[in-house]
N, C-alpha and C. Protein backbone atom coordinates (compact mmCIF):
# COMPACT_ATOMS: atom_id res chain seq x y z
N UNK A 1 45.83 47.67 140.93
CA UNK A 1 45.69 48.97 140.93
C UNK A 1 44.46 49.62 140.43
N UNK A 2 43.61 50.38 141.06
CA UNK A 2 42.65 50.90 140.50
C UNK A 2 42.76 51.88 139.34
N UNK A 3 41.86 52.12 138.61
CA UNK A 3 42.03 52.96 137.53
C UNK A 3 41.58 54.33 138.01
N UNK A 4 41.96 55.38 137.25
CA UNK A 4 42.07 56.78 137.65
C UNK A 4 40.92 57.30 136.92
N UNK A 5 39.95 57.81 137.93
CA UNK A 5 38.83 58.30 137.63
C UNK A 5 38.84 59.36 136.65
N UNK A 6 37.89 59.68 135.89
CA UNK A 6 38.00 60.93 134.98
C UNK A 6 37.72 62.28 135.68
N UNK A 7 38.27 63.16 135.14
CA UNK A 7 38.34 64.37 136.02
C UNK A 7 38.72 65.28 135.11
N UNK A 8 38.66 66.80 135.46
CA UNK A 8 39.01 68.06 134.76
C UNK A 8 39.71 69.08 135.72
N UNK A 9 40.40 69.79 135.04
CA UNK A 9 40.94 70.72 135.98
C UNK A 9 40.42 72.08 135.73
N UNK A 10 40.08 72.74 136.74
CA UNK A 10 39.50 74.12 136.48
C UNK A 10 40.50 75.23 136.64
N UNK A 11 40.76 76.29 136.21
CA UNK A 11 41.65 77.11 136.32
C UNK A 11 40.90 78.28 137.48
N UNK A 12 41.63 78.53 138.76
CA UNK A 12 41.10 79.32 139.48
C UNK A 12 41.95 80.86 139.33
N UNK A 13 43.00 80.91 139.54
CA UNK A 13 43.88 82.15 139.36
C UNK A 13 45.30 81.70 139.26
N UNK A 14 46.03 82.74 138.78
CA UNK A 14 47.65 82.66 138.71
C UNK A 14 48.02 83.66 139.87
N UNK A 15 48.98 83.50 140.64
CA UNK A 15 49.76 84.64 141.43
C UNK A 15 51.11 84.48 141.50
N UNK A 16 51.81 85.24 141.85
CA UNK A 16 53.21 85.37 142.05
C UNK A 16 53.52 84.96 143.56
N UNK A 17 54.53 83.95 143.54
CA UNK A 17 54.81 83.26 144.64
C UNK A 17 56.43 83.50 144.90
N UNK A 18 56.86 83.51 146.04
CA UNK A 18 58.22 83.47 146.36
C UNK A 18 58.40 81.76 146.51
N UNK A 19 59.49 81.06 145.76
CA UNK A 19 59.72 79.76 146.08
C UNK A 19 61.29 79.69 146.63
N UNK A 20 61.23 78.84 147.47
CA UNK A 20 62.46 78.41 148.47
C UNK A 20 63.13 77.66 147.58
N UNK A 21 64.66 77.93 147.50
CA UNK A 21 65.48 76.94 146.88
C UNK A 21 65.43 75.49 147.52
N UNK A 22 65.69 74.59 147.19
CA UNK A 22 65.77 73.24 147.54
C UNK A 22 66.25 73.06 149.08
N UNK A 23 65.56 72.70 150.05
CA UNK A 23 65.86 72.90 151.54
C UNK A 23 65.95 71.32 151.94
N UNK A 24 66.79 70.93 152.83
CA UNK A 24 66.77 69.50 153.31
C UNK A 24 66.96 69.72 154.72
N UNK A 25 67.03 70.54 155.47
CA UNK A 25 67.42 70.59 156.83
C UNK A 25 66.35 71.55 157.60
N UNK A 26 65.95 71.22 158.62
CA UNK A 26 65.27 72.30 159.68
C UNK A 26 66.02 73.24 160.31
N UNK A 27 67.32 72.92 160.43
CA UNK A 27 68.37 74.11 160.61
C UNK A 27 68.26 75.32 159.76
N UNK A 28 68.08 75.07 158.66
CA UNK A 28 67.84 76.24 157.37
C UNK A 28 66.85 77.16 158.07
N UNK A 29 65.74 76.48 158.46
CA UNK A 29 64.74 77.38 159.11
C UNK A 29 65.03 78.19 160.09
N UNK A 30 65.94 77.84 161.07
CA UNK A 30 66.17 78.32 162.36
C UNK A 30 66.98 79.54 161.84
N UNK A 31 68.18 79.35 160.86
CA UNK A 31 68.78 80.47 160.37
C UNK A 31 67.91 81.70 159.57
N UNK A 32 66.97 80.97 158.70
CA UNK A 32 66.11 81.93 158.12
C UNK A 32 65.30 82.80 159.17
N UNK A 33 64.90 82.07 160.20
CA UNK A 33 64.32 82.82 161.27
C UNK A 33 65.28 84.08 161.77
N UNK A 34 66.27 83.78 162.17
CA UNK A 34 67.36 84.44 162.73
C UNK A 34 67.78 85.79 161.90
N UNK A 35 67.76 85.53 160.49
CA UNK A 35 67.85 86.33 159.67
C UNK A 35 66.73 87.51 159.44
N UNK A 36 65.50 86.74 159.27
CA UNK A 36 64.48 87.68 159.10
C UNK A 36 64.16 88.46 160.44
N UNK A 37 64.25 87.93 161.64
CA UNK A 37 63.79 88.45 162.84
C UNK A 37 64.08 90.02 162.79
N UNK A 38 65.02 90.48 162.20
CA UNK A 38 65.61 91.85 162.26
C UNK A 38 64.47 92.62 161.65
N UNK A 39 63.73 92.10 160.70
CA UNK A 39 62.80 92.80 159.67
C UNK A 39 61.38 93.09 160.47
N UNK A 40 61.24 92.15 161.48
CA UNK A 40 59.93 92.21 162.08
C UNK A 40 59.74 93.16 163.47
N UNK A 41 59.23 94.37 163.37
CA UNK A 41 59.23 95.28 164.57
C UNK A 41 58.18 95.46 165.52
N UNK A 42 57.01 94.69 165.17
CA UNK A 42 56.14 94.66 166.02
C UNK A 42 55.78 93.14 166.24
N UNK A 43 54.89 93.01 167.27
CA UNK A 43 54.57 91.54 167.96
C UNK A 43 53.59 90.93 166.85
N UNK A 44 52.91 91.80 166.07
CA UNK A 44 52.13 91.06 165.11
C UNK A 44 53.05 90.55 163.93
N UNK A 45 53.99 91.22 163.74
CA UNK A 45 54.98 90.99 162.36
C UNK A 45 55.62 89.65 162.98
N UNK A 46 55.99 89.52 164.39
CA UNK A 46 56.67 88.55 164.79
C UNK A 46 55.95 87.07 164.69
N UNK A 47 54.72 87.22 165.20
CA UNK A 47 53.62 86.12 165.03
C UNK A 47 53.52 85.77 163.58
N UNK A 48 53.64 86.64 162.63
CA UNK A 48 53.58 86.19 161.25
C UNK A 48 54.70 85.39 161.02
N UNK A 49 55.98 85.87 161.22
CA UNK A 49 57.12 85.03 160.90
C UNK A 49 57.35 83.89 161.39
N UNK A 50 56.73 83.83 162.83
CA UNK A 50 56.57 82.40 163.67
C UNK A 50 55.99 81.55 162.73
N UNK A 51 54.77 81.95 162.43
CA UNK A 51 53.77 81.40 161.52
C UNK A 51 54.29 80.70 160.36
N UNK A 52 55.09 81.56 159.43
CA UNK A 52 55.78 81.39 158.29
C UNK A 52 56.97 80.20 158.45
N UNK A 53 57.60 80.18 159.50
CA UNK A 53 58.62 79.40 159.94
C UNK A 53 58.14 78.01 160.24
N UNK A 54 56.91 78.02 160.92
CA UNK A 54 56.22 76.95 161.23
C UNK A 54 55.70 76.15 159.94
N UNK A 55 55.05 76.80 159.03
CA UNK A 55 54.58 76.17 157.75
C UNK A 55 56.03 75.81 157.10
N UNK A 56 56.96 76.47 156.91
CA UNK A 56 58.18 75.85 156.36
C UNK A 56 58.68 74.72 156.92
N UNK A 57 58.55 74.55 158.24
CA UNK A 57 59.19 73.22 158.99
C UNK A 57 58.04 72.14 158.35
N UNK A 58 56.89 72.33 158.40
CA UNK A 58 55.78 71.30 158.31
C UNK A 58 55.94 70.76 156.72
N UNK A 59 56.62 71.73 155.85
CA UNK A 59 56.79 71.51 154.25
C UNK A 59 57.98 70.44 154.39
N UNK A 60 59.05 70.72 155.11
CA UNK A 60 60.22 69.99 155.00
C UNK A 60 59.85 68.51 155.51
N UNK A 61 59.14 68.65 156.72
CA UNK A 61 58.91 67.25 156.87
C UNK A 61 58.01 66.31 156.36
N UNK A 62 57.38 66.79 155.47
CA UNK A 62 56.08 66.20 154.63
C UNK A 62 56.49 65.38 153.47
N UNK A 63 57.70 65.64 153.13
CA UNK A 63 58.20 65.02 152.11
C UNK A 63 57.34 65.26 150.88
N UNK A 64 57.43 66.61 150.26
CA UNK A 64 56.51 67.13 149.37
C UNK A 64 56.78 66.62 147.99
N UNK A 65 55.83 66.74 147.07
CA UNK A 65 56.01 66.61 145.80
C UNK A 65 56.49 67.70 144.78
N UNK A 66 56.35 68.93 145.35
CA UNK A 66 56.49 70.25 144.73
C UNK A 66 57.33 71.30 145.68
N UNK A 67 57.86 72.19 145.07
CA UNK A 67 58.65 73.38 145.92
C UNK A 67 57.68 73.78 146.95
N UNK A 68 58.42 74.47 148.05
CA UNK A 68 57.88 75.35 148.90
C UNK A 68 57.85 76.81 148.41
N UNK A 69 56.62 77.14 148.18
CA UNK A 69 56.44 78.53 147.66
C UNK A 69 55.17 79.30 148.78
N UNK A 70 55.17 80.65 148.65
CA UNK A 70 53.99 81.26 149.22
C UNK A 70 53.80 82.57 148.60
N UNK A 71 52.54 82.86 148.42
CA UNK A 71 52.25 84.25 147.71
C UNK A 71 52.96 85.28 148.22
N UNK A 72 53.56 85.99 147.35
CA UNK A 72 54.23 87.37 147.69
C UNK A 72 53.12 88.08 148.63
N UNK A 73 52.07 88.33 148.48
CA UNK A 73 51.31 89.15 149.33
C UNK A 73 51.34 88.72 150.71
N UNK A 74 51.38 87.44 150.88
CA UNK A 74 51.37 86.83 152.34
C UNK A 74 52.67 87.14 153.10
N UNK A 75 53.85 87.51 152.23
CA UNK A 75 55.34 87.54 152.94
C UNK A 75 55.58 88.96 152.76
N UNK A 76 54.51 90.14 152.48
CA UNK A 76 54.67 91.55 152.32
C UNK A 76 55.03 92.11 153.63
N UNK A 77 54.55 91.63 154.90
CA UNK A 77 55.02 91.83 156.18
C UNK A 77 56.30 92.02 156.35
N UNK A 78 57.36 91.34 155.96
CA UNK A 78 58.59 91.20 155.92
C UNK A 78 59.13 92.65 155.28
N UNK A 79 58.58 93.59 154.52
CA UNK A 79 59.25 94.49 154.03
C UNK A 79 60.45 94.29 153.29
N UNK A 80 61.60 94.95 153.84
CA UNK A 80 63.11 94.96 153.45
C UNK A 80 63.21 93.54 153.43
N UNK A 81 62.78 92.78 154.40
CA UNK A 81 63.13 91.01 154.24
C UNK A 81 62.80 90.29 153.05
N UNK A 82 62.01 90.79 152.30
CA UNK A 82 61.77 90.15 150.91
C UNK A 82 62.87 90.06 150.13
N UNK A 83 63.57 91.46 150.11
CA UNK A 83 64.98 91.33 149.53
C UNK A 83 65.95 90.58 150.00
N UNK A 84 66.12 90.43 151.26
CA UNK A 84 67.02 89.52 151.77
C UNK A 84 66.41 88.01 151.46
N UNK A 85 65.35 87.54 151.39
CA UNK A 85 64.87 86.17 150.76
C UNK A 85 65.48 86.16 149.30
N UNK A 86 65.39 87.17 148.45
CA UNK A 86 65.77 87.09 147.33
C UNK A 86 67.25 86.92 147.04
N UNK A 87 68.01 87.50 148.13
CA UNK A 87 69.66 87.32 148.09
C UNK A 87 69.86 85.95 148.66
N UNK A 88 68.96 85.24 149.25
CA UNK A 88 69.15 83.91 149.60
C UNK A 88 68.72 83.00 148.58
N UNK A 89 68.52 83.39 147.16
CA UNK A 89 68.03 82.76 146.15
C UNK A 89 66.48 82.01 146.02
N UNK A 90 65.79 82.83 146.82
CA UNK A 90 64.27 82.58 146.73
C UNK A 90 64.11 83.27 145.38
N UNK A 91 63.27 82.59 144.73
CA UNK A 91 62.86 83.03 143.31
C UNK A 91 61.17 83.46 143.35
N UNK A 92 61.00 84.69 142.53
CA UNK A 92 59.69 84.93 142.37
C UNK A 92 59.19 84.32 141.07
N UNK A 93 58.03 83.63 141.24
CA UNK A 93 57.60 82.73 140.07
C UNK A 93 56.11 82.82 140.01
N UNK A 94 55.38 82.61 138.80
CA UNK A 94 54.14 82.43 138.70
C UNK A 94 53.68 81.02 139.06
N UNK A 95 52.62 80.90 140.17
CA UNK A 95 51.97 79.55 140.50
C UNK A 95 50.56 79.81 140.28
N UNK A 96 50.18 78.66 139.59
CA UNK A 96 48.62 78.54 139.02
C UNK A 96 47.96 77.83 140.11
N UNK A 97 46.72 78.22 140.37
CA UNK A 97 45.73 77.38 141.32
C UNK A 97 44.69 76.57 140.47
N UNK A 98 44.77 75.43 140.66
CA UNK A 98 43.59 74.65 139.95
C UNK A 98 42.60 73.92 140.96
N UNK A 99 41.59 73.89 140.40
CA UNK A 99 40.77 72.94 141.23
C UNK A 99 40.46 71.68 140.60
N UNK A 100 40.32 70.48 140.87
CA UNK A 100 40.36 68.94 140.51
C UNK A 100 38.76 68.74 140.75
N UNK A 101 38.11 68.64 139.61
CA UNK A 101 36.73 68.05 139.47
C UNK A 101 36.40 66.80 139.15
N UNK A 102 35.96 65.81 139.87
CA UNK A 102 35.78 64.61 139.58
C UNK A 102 34.60 64.56 138.60
N UNK A 103 34.48 63.94 137.60
CA UNK A 103 33.59 64.08 136.87
C UNK A 103 32.29 63.24 137.34
N UNK A 104 32.48 62.03 137.99
CA UNK A 104 31.57 61.06 138.71
C UNK A 104 31.72 61.19 140.01
N UNK A 105 31.45 62.21 140.79
CA UNK A 105 31.89 62.11 142.32
C UNK A 105 30.83 61.11 143.03
N UNK A 106 31.37 60.50 144.03
CA UNK A 106 30.70 59.50 144.81
C UNK A 106 29.89 59.90 145.94
N UNK A 107 28.68 59.40 146.40
CA UNK A 107 28.01 59.85 147.49
C UNK A 107 28.75 59.82 148.84
N UNK A 108 29.90 58.86 148.92
CA UNK A 108 30.57 58.70 149.93
C UNK A 108 31.84 59.42 149.97
N UNK A 109 32.06 60.08 151.13
CA UNK A 109 33.35 60.98 151.16
C UNK A 109 34.49 60.19 151.10
N UNK A 110 34.58 58.86 151.56
CA UNK A 110 35.89 57.97 151.48
C UNK A 110 36.25 57.89 150.10
N UNK A 111 35.23 57.45 149.20
CA UNK A 111 35.52 56.97 148.21
C UNK A 111 36.07 58.18 147.11
N UNK A 112 35.31 59.54 147.45
CA UNK A 112 35.80 60.82 146.76
C UNK A 112 37.47 60.87 147.19
N UNK A 113 37.81 60.69 148.13
CA UNK A 113 38.90 60.77 148.71
C UNK A 113 40.03 60.09 148.11
N UNK A 114 39.47 58.70 147.99
CA UNK A 114 40.14 57.66 147.18
C UNK A 114 40.30 57.90 145.85
N UNK A 115 39.38 58.33 145.35
CA UNK A 115 39.45 59.00 143.74
C UNK A 115 40.54 60.27 143.54
N UNK A 116 40.37 61.20 144.53
CA UNK A 116 41.26 62.26 144.38
C UNK A 116 42.43 62.03 144.59
N UNK A 117 42.83 61.05 145.56
CA UNK A 117 44.32 60.44 145.58
C UNK A 117 44.76 59.79 144.43
N UNK A 118 43.94 59.07 143.48
CA UNK A 118 44.30 58.66 142.39
C UNK A 118 44.57 59.53 141.43
N UNK A 119 43.68 60.90 141.41
CA UNK A 119 44.16 61.83 140.34
C UNK A 119 45.45 62.28 140.82
N UNK A 120 45.59 62.75 142.04
CA UNK A 120 46.87 63.33 142.29
C UNK A 120 47.94 62.41 142.22
N UNK A 121 47.88 60.97 142.28
CA UNK A 121 49.05 60.23 141.96
C UNK A 121 49.40 60.29 140.50
N UNK A 122 48.28 60.29 139.69
CA UNK A 122 48.55 60.61 138.25
C UNK A 122 49.40 61.79 137.87
N UNK A 123 48.80 62.73 138.59
CA UNK A 123 49.06 64.20 138.16
C UNK A 123 50.81 64.45 138.66
N UNK A 124 51.29 63.52 139.80
CA UNK A 124 52.38 63.74 140.41
C UNK A 124 53.47 63.40 139.05
N UNK A 125 53.42 62.61 138.37
CA UNK A 125 54.16 62.06 137.59
C UNK A 125 53.98 63.20 136.07
N UNK A 126 53.18 64.04 135.87
CA UNK A 126 53.00 64.78 135.15
C UNK A 126 53.38 66.11 135.07
N UNK A 127 53.36 66.95 136.22
CA UNK A 127 53.77 68.09 136.59
C UNK A 127 54.10 68.24 138.24
N UNK A 128 54.93 69.36 138.39
CA UNK A 128 55.10 69.76 139.72
C UNK A 128 54.02 70.65 140.30
N UNK A 129 53.58 70.14 141.62
CA UNK A 129 52.46 70.56 142.20
C UNK A 129 52.54 70.28 143.67
N UNK A 130 51.87 71.27 144.47
CA UNK A 130 51.47 70.84 145.88
C UNK A 130 50.18 71.16 146.18
N UNK A 131 49.66 70.30 147.13
CA UNK A 131 48.21 70.52 147.29
C UNK A 131 47.94 71.78 147.97
N UNK A 132 46.78 72.34 147.88
CA UNK A 132 46.59 73.45 148.65
C UNK A 132 45.73 72.96 150.06
N UNK A 133 45.58 74.09 151.16
CA UNK A 133 44.89 73.70 152.10
C UNK A 133 43.50 73.43 152.03
N UNK A 134 42.85 73.72 150.69
CA UNK A 134 41.33 73.58 150.29
C UNK A 134 41.44 72.19 149.51
N UNK A 135 40.75 71.40 150.05
CA UNK A 135 40.47 70.02 149.47
C UNK A 135 40.18 70.12 148.13
N UNK A 136 40.94 69.39 147.15
CA UNK A 136 40.72 69.31 145.93
C UNK A 136 41.39 70.50 144.96
N UNK A 137 42.22 71.24 145.28
CA UNK A 137 42.61 72.30 144.75
C UNK A 137 44.57 71.99 144.85
N UNK A 138 45.08 72.38 143.73
CA UNK A 138 46.55 72.21 143.86
C UNK A 138 47.15 73.56 143.34
N UNK A 139 48.39 73.45 143.57
CA UNK A 139 49.29 74.87 142.87
C UNK A 139 50.15 74.02 142.26
N UNK A 140 50.11 74.55 140.88
CA UNK A 140 50.90 74.13 139.83
C UNK A 140 51.93 75.00 139.48
N UNK A 141 53.28 74.38 139.40
CA UNK A 141 54.42 75.32 139.32
C UNK A 141 54.98 75.06 137.65
N UNK A 142 55.67 76.12 137.33
CA UNK A 142 56.08 76.01 135.86
C UNK A 142 57.07 74.91 135.64
N UNK A 143 57.04 74.24 134.46
CA UNK A 143 57.76 73.28 134.30
C UNK A 143 59.22 73.74 133.93
N UNK A 144 60.32 73.16 134.40
CA UNK A 144 61.60 73.90 134.00
C UNK A 144 62.04 74.80 135.05
N UNK A 145 61.36 75.16 135.88
CA UNK A 145 61.96 76.03 137.13
C UNK A 145 62.28 75.35 138.34
N UNK A 146 61.86 73.95 138.38
CA UNK A 146 61.92 73.28 139.71
C UNK A 146 62.49 71.90 139.39
N UNK A 147 63.22 71.41 140.39
CA UNK A 147 63.90 70.14 140.06
C UNK A 147 63.14 68.91 141.02
N UNK A 148 62.02 69.18 141.20
CA UNK A 148 61.05 68.15 141.70
C UNK A 148 60.42 67.24 140.80
């Protein structure tokens, strides 16, 4: 087993997310689509809803470390549908975005990826988080709010 490299976490921002209750089935996403479809009245909003459902399906298939959540501002297109999500036990929670900074990065991209994976493995045992789409960034969830 390789040793975890030295690293630091840099605070980027904190924002409110809506967090999905634990989900284990793709069928839930179809039902969610059916429920929320009534709140999208333009083709632009329908595309945003389809994208939201696609992201949710990818999350379920990925065997994640942390819960599924999205920034509230990204779901505002649902308008009254946001209340519907809350009635379906979605919770608004503070989520913090951090950047992982390797203290001794390598010249080789592959080596940096291995080091980052080692850091993520360590952090997985310490706190609930999900990786951001931006490399080296993680969304950290409050402890005690999640069952992950």
